[in-house]
Amino acid sequence: MAKDFTDGTSLSRPGPYLMRMVLFLILVGFLLAILSPTLRVAYFTNPGLNTLIISVLVLGILYGFRQVLALGPEITWVNNFRRADPGLTLPPAPRMLAPMATMLGDRKGRMHLNALSMRSILDSIGSRLDEQRETSRYLIGLLIFLGLLGTFWGLLTTVSSVGQTIHNLNVETSDPATVFQNLKSGLEGPLSGMGTSFSSSLFGLAGSLILGFLDLQAGQAQNRFYNELEEWLSTVTDISGDFERSPGMLADTTKRLERIEQALDRLTRGH
């Protein structure tokens, strides 16, 4: 039978994960301050695309913190639900736990669930957590894509500029100094294209690494919330209730076992 777990340890707050995320961003900020002269030059090689990459990065950082902070109301509601006395009215459940609140109804304090109800609650919450993770994963992939887009864009500019430079060279009618000057001017285009290629790749890949760490911390916070919720629900789940509500199933299983035993006995006697 299930035991009463309303006085047990409360679900943990996601404070440690938020602290790790903040410390990581502080370290990234120090690194950016040290490399700021080089990064400033790289940024202005293609300010349009690099601004887009940085905007996606900022959006992903904010969304990563939102994922962790959103667990706070969920944890508060569950802890209040566990400590509530029967009949005490609680505030409406947050979005993630709304199906759980609907299924449990007005039951507060001591309660019992069957295995099917517990699995239904956990599946609903797990699917909602996965849905949130999909957005952060898309932003990480988008940063990588934008970096690759800048790479191919820069390479295309480089190839076009090199072809144009070679086409404009005329070594027959010009003196060597003029040819060298034209070659020098013509190489500015390919070098600019390479700058676009490398700077976009730099910002895109670095941004994806930053969001990857934040997504890792957010995922660990969500997994901890899910695991602790599962542990609590397992203490109020009555597995024996399923058999008590379906005595016919148990009787039918017993009869089948008896028939199998009789058949084996006949086969043994026959040999």
Protein backbone atom coordinates (compact mmCIF):
# COMPACT_ATOMS: atom_id res chain seq x y z
CA MET A 1 0.00 0.00 0.00
CA ALA A 2 1.09 3.59 -0.57
CA LYS A 3 2.39 5.57 2.37
CA ASP A 4 1.72 9.17 3.35
CA PHE A 5 4.47 11.47 2.10
CA THR A 6 3.05 14.88 2.82
CA ASP A 7 5.64 15.63 5.52
CA GLY A 8 8.69 14.60 3.48
CA THR A 9 11.45 16.73 2.07
CA SER A 10 10.32 19.45 -0.29
CA LEU A 11 11.31 19.55 -3.94
CA SER A 12 14.64 21.31 -4.46
CA ARG A 13 14.90 24.81 -5.85
CA PRO A 14 16.89 25.37 -9.08
CA GLY A 15 19.18 27.91 -7.38
CA PRO A 16 22.46 25.99 -7.92
CA TYR A 17 21.85 25.74 -11.65
CA LEU A 18 21.09 29.45 -11.92
CA MET A 19 24.31 30.20 -10.05
CA ARG A 20 26.32 28.08 -12.48
CA MET A 21 24.76 29.84 -15.44
CA VAL A 22 25.50 33.28 -14.00
CA LEU A 23 29.11 32.38 -13.15
CA PHE A 24 29.62 30.96 -16.64
CA LEU A 25 28.35 34.16 -18.25
CA ILE A 26 30.62 36.23 -15.99
CA LEU A 27 33.62 34.19 -17.16
CA VAL A 28 32.53 34.65 -20.77
CA GLY A 29 32.24 38.40 -20.14
CA PHE A 30 35.82 38.54 -18.80
CA LEU A 31 37.05 36.64 -21.85
CA LEU A 32 35.20 39.00 -24.19
CA ALA A 33 36.72 42.00 -22.41
CA ILE A 34 40.22 40.60 -22.93
CA LEU A 35 39.61 39.80 -26.61
CA SER A 36 37.53 42.92 -27.33
CA PRO A 37 40.03 44.60 -29.74
CA THR A 38 40.22 41.51 -31.96
CA LEU A 39 36.50 40.82 -31.72
CA ARG A 40 35.67 44.41 -32.64
CA VAL A 41 37.63 44.11 -35.88
CA ALA A 42 36.02 40.72 -36.62
CA TYR A 43 32.55 42.11 -35.92
CA PHE A 44 32.84 44.98 -38.42
CA THR A 45 33.89 42.69 -41.27
CA ASN A 46 30.22 41.76 -41.60
CA PRO A 47 28.17 43.78 -39.08
CA GLY A 48 24.78 42.78 -40.50
CA LEU A 49 25.13 39.00 -40.16
CA ASN A 50 27.15 39.25 -36.95
CA THR A 51 24.45 41.43 -35.38
CA LEU A 52 21.88 38.77 -36.26
CA ILE A 53 24.05 36.08 -34.68
CA ILE A 54 24.52 38.11 -31.50
CA SER A 55 20.77 38.82 -31.34
CA VAL A 56 19.99 35.09 -31.54
CA LEU A 57 22.60 34.48 -28.83
CA VAL A 58 21.02 37.04 -26.48
CA LEU A 59 17.57 35.56 -27.16
CA GLY A 60 18.87 32.08 -26.38
CA ILE A 61 20.48 33.25 -23.13
CA LEU A 62 17.23 34.84 -21.97
CA TYR A 63 15.25 31.73 -22.92
CA GLY A 64 17.71 29.50 -21.03
CA PHE A 65 17.20 31.51 -17.84
CA ARG A 66 13.45 31.50 -18.44
CA GLN A 67 13.46 27.69 -18.56
CA VAL A 68 15.06 27.45 -15.14
CA LEU A 69 13.12 30.30 -13.54
CA ALA A 70 9.83 28.80 -14.79
CA LEU A 71 10.45 25.80 -12.51
CA GLY A 72 10.09 28.01 -9.43
CA PRO A 73 6.27 28.34 -9.50
CA GLU A 74 5.93 24.65 -10.36
CA ILE A 75 8.06 23.60 -7.39
CA THR A 76 6.24 26.01 -5.07
CA TRP A 77 2.86 24.63 -6.09
CA VAL A 78 3.93 21.01 -5.59
CA ASN A 79 5.42 21.74 -2.16
CA ASN A 80 2.26 23.59 -1.10
CA PHE A 81 0.13 20.74 -2.41
CA ARG A 82 2.09 18.20 -0.39
CA ARG A 83 1.77 20.20 2.83
CA ALA A 84 -1.88 21.19 2.31
CA ASP A 85 -4.59 19.89 4.63
CA PRO A 86 -7.61 18.15 3.10
CA GLY A 87 -10.12 20.70 1.86
CA LEU A 88 -7.66 23.60 1.80
CA THR A 89 -7.97 25.62 -1.39
CA LEU A 90 -4.71 26.13 -3.31
CA PRO A 91 -3.92 28.67 -6.04
CA PRO A 92 -4.39 27.51 -9.63
CA ALA A 93 -1.59 25.25 -10.81
CA PRO A 94 1.02 26.61 -13.25
CA ARG A 95 0.84 25.63 -16.89
CA MET A 96 3.10 22.59 -16.67
CA LEU A 97 1.26 21.06 -13.71
CA ALA A 98 -2.25 21.94 -14.88
CA PRO A 99 -3.06 18.34 -16.00
CA MET A 100 -1.81 17.03 -12.67
CA ALA A 101 -4.00 19.48 -10.73
CA THR A 102 -7.01 18.56 -12.86
CA MET A 103 -6.48 14.84 -12.33
CA LEU A 104 -6.00 15.14 -8.58
CA GLY A 105 -9.04 17.39 -8.25
CA ASP A 106 -9.75 18.66 -4.73
CA ARG A 107 -7.71 16.02 -2.97
CA LYS A 108 -5.14 17.57 -0.62
CA GLY A 109 -2.82 16.15 1.97
CA ARG A 110 -3.08 12.36 2.21
CA MET A 111 -3.97 10.76 -1.09
CA HIS A 112 -3.48 7.64 -3.16
CA LEU A 113 -2.91 7.21 -6.89
CA ASN A 114 -2.92 4.14 -9.06
CA ALA A 115 -0.02 3.28 -11.34
CA LEU A 116 -1.89 4.36 -14.47
CA SER A 117 -2.66 7.83 -13.08
CA MET A 118 0.94 8.30 -11.97
CA ARG A 119 2.28 7.36 -15.40
CA SER A 120 -0.21 9.67 -17.10
CA ILE A 121 0.88 12.61 -14.94
CA LEU A 122 4.58 11.97 -15.52
CA ASP A 123 4.13 11.54 -19.28
CA SER A 124 2.28 14.84 -19.52
CA ILE A 125 4.94 16.73 -17.57
CA GLY A 126 7.76 15.02 -19.45
CA SER A 127 6.30 15.98 -22.83
CA ARG A 128 5.99 19.62 -21.75
CA LEU A 129 9.61 19.68 -20.56
CA ASP A 130 10.75 18.20 -23.87
CA GLU A 131 8.75 20.83 -25.73
CA GLN A 132 10.65 23.59 -23.92
CA ARG A 133 13.99 21.96 -24.69
CA GLU A 134 13.19 21.83 -28.40
CA THR A 135 13.24 25.62 -28.66
CA SER A 136 16.66 25.96 -27.05
CA ARG A 137 18.05 23.21 -29.27
CA TYR A 138 16.69 24.99 -32.31
CA LEU A 139 18.45 28.22 -31.28
CA ILE A 140 21.74 26.34 -30.88
CA GLY A 141 21.34 24.86 -34.34
CA LEU A 142 20.37 28.26 -35.73
CA LEU A 143 23.63 29.80 -34.48
CA ILE A 144 25.64 27.05 -36.16
CA PHE A 145 23.66 27.53 -39.36
CA LEU A 146 24.22 31.29 -39.38
CA GLY A 147 27.94 30.73 -38.84
CA LEU A 148 28.06 28.34 -41.79
CA LEU A 149 25.98 30.75 -43.85
CA GLY A 150 28.56 33.47 -43.23
CA THR A 151 31.32 31.02 -44.13
CA PHE A 152 29.85 30.17 -47.53
CA TRP A 153 28.91 33.78 -48.15
CA GLY A 154 32.49 34.87 -47.49
CA LEU A 155 33.92 32.07 -49.64
CA LEU A 156 31.61 33.04 -52.50
CA THR A 157 32.78 36.66 -52.23
CA THR A 158 36.39 35.51 -52.12
CA VAL A 159 36.10 33.34 -55.23
CA SER A 160 34.29 36.07 -57.17
CA SER A 161 36.86 38.68 -56.16
CA VAL A 162 39.81 36.47 -57.09
CA GLY A 163 38.30 35.79 -60.50
CA GLN A 164 37.68 39.48 -61.07
CA THR A 165 41.24 40.36 -60.00
CA ILE A 166 42.79 37.83 -62.37
CA HIS A 167 40.56 39.05 -65.20
CA ASN A 168 41.62 42.68 -64.71
CA LEU A 169 45.36 41.96 -64.67
CA ASN A 170 47.16 43.06 -67.86
CA VAL A 171 50.86 42.26 -67.76
CA GLU A 172 51.51 43.12 -71.42
CA THR A 173 50.60 46.82 -71.56
CA SER A 174 51.47 47.89 -68.01
CA ASP A 175 54.75 48.28 -66.18
CA PRO A 176 55.50 45.95 -63.24
CA ALA A 177 54.76 48.65 -60.64
CA THR A 178 51.29 49.23 -62.07
CA VAL A 179 50.61 45.49 -62.26
CA PHE A 180 51.64 45.06 -58.63
CA GLN A 181 49.46 47.97 -57.55
CA ASN A 182 46.45 46.57 -59.39
CA LEU A 183 47.07 43.15 -57.84
CA LYS A 184 47.30 44.71 -54.40
CA SER A 185 44.03 46.57 -54.89
CA GLY A 186 42.35 43.49 -56.31
CA LEU A 187 43.27 41.35 -53.31
CA GLU A 188 41.30 43.58 -50.96
CA GLY A 189 38.06 41.95 -52.09
CA PRO A 190 39.15 38.32 -51.43
CA LEU A 191 40.61 39.27 -48.06
CA SER A 192 37.37 41.01 -47.13
CA GLY A 193 35.41 37.89 -48.09
CA MET A 194 37.67 35.72 -45.95
CA GLY A 195 37.12 38.11 -43.05
CA THR A 196 33.37 37.73 -43.47
CA SER A 197 33.73 33.96 -43.57
CA PHE A 198 35.89 33.58 -40.50
CA SER A 199 34.17 36.21 -38.34
CA SER A 200 30.70 34.73 -38.87
CA SER A 201 31.98 31.25 -38.10
CA LEU A 202 33.70 32.60 -34.97
CA PHE A 203 30.58 34.28 -33.60
CA GLY A 204 28.24 31.46 -34.62
CA LEU A 205 30.25 28.60 -33.12
CA ALA A 206 31.15 30.54 -29.96
CA GLY A 207 27.49 31.45 -29.47
CA SER A 208 26.41 27.83 -29.90
CA LEU A 209 28.93 26.76 -27.23
CA ILE A 210 27.54 29.34 -24.81
CA LEU A 211 23.94 28.31 -25.42
CA GLY A 212 24.94 24.65 -25.22
CA PHE A 213 26.23 25.06 -21.67
CA LEU A 214 23.16 27.03 -20.60
CA ASP A 215 20.88 24.40 -22.17
CA LEU A 216 22.81 21.71 -20.28
CA GLN A 217 22.19 23.44 -16.96
CA ALA A 218 18.53 24.04 -17.79
CA GLY A 219 18.13 20.39 -18.76
CA GLN A 220 19.71 19.22 -15.51
CA ALA A 221 17.40 21.47 -13.49
CA GLN A 222 14.36 20.11 -15.34
CA ASN A 223 15.51 16.51 -14.93
CA ARG A 224 16.01 17.03 -11.21
CA PHE A 225 12.49 18.48 -10.91
CA TYR A 226 11.05 15.56 -12.90
CA ASN A 227 12.94 12.92 -10.88
CA GLU A 228 11.99 14.39 -7.51
CA LEU A 229 8.37 14.67 -8.60
CA GLU A 230 8.45 11.04 -9.73
CA GLU A 231 9.93 9.98 -6.39
CA TRP A 232 7.15 11.76 -4.51
CA LEU A 233 4.38 10.37 -6.71
CA SER A 234 5.79 6.86 -6.28
CA THR A 235 5.28 7.17 -2.51
CA VAL A 236 1.58 7.96 -2.93
CA THR A 237 0.94 5.35 -5.64
CA ASP A 238 -1.04 2.29 -4.57
CA ILE A 239 -0.07 -0.58 -6.86
CA SER A 240 -2.24 -3.11 -5.05
CA GLY A 241 -5.29 -0.97 -5.75
CA ASP A 242 -5.20 -2.02 -9.39
CA PHE A 243 -5.71 -5.65 -8.40
CA GLU A 244 -8.34 -4.76 -5.83
CA ARG A 245 -10.36 -2.92 -8.44
CA SER A 246 -10.15 -5.84 -10.88
CA PRO A 247 -10.62 -9.10 -8.91
CA GLY A 248 -11.87 -10.85 -12.02
CA MET A 249 -8.46 -10.45 -13.66
CA LEU A 250 -6.72 -12.08 -10.70
CA ALA A 251 -9.20 -14.97 -10.65
CA ASP A 252 -8.84 -15.52 -14.39
CA THR A 253 -5.06 -15.57 -14.09
CA THR A 254 -5.29 -18.15 -11.29
CA LYS A 255 -7.53 -20.44 -13.37
CA ARG A 256 -5.13 -20.25 -16.32
CA LEU A 257 -2.22 -21.20 -14.11
CA GLU A 258 -4.18 -24.15 -12.76
CA ARG A 259 -4.99 -25.36 -16.31
CA ILE A 260 -1.34 -25.08 -17.30
CA GLU A 261 -0.31 -27.04 -14.22
CA GLN A 262 -2.86 -29.80 -15.03
CA ALA A 263 -1.65 -30.01 -18.63
CA LEU A 264 1.96 -30.36 -17.52
CA ASP A 265 0.92 -33.06 -15.03
CA ARG A 266 -0.85 -35.05 -17.80
CA LEU A 267 2.16 -34.78 -20.06
CA THR A 268 4.40 -36.03 -17.25
CA ARG A 269 2.15 -39.03 -16.57
CA GLY A 270 1.96 -39.85 -20.27
CA HIS A 271 5.72 -40.19 -20.46
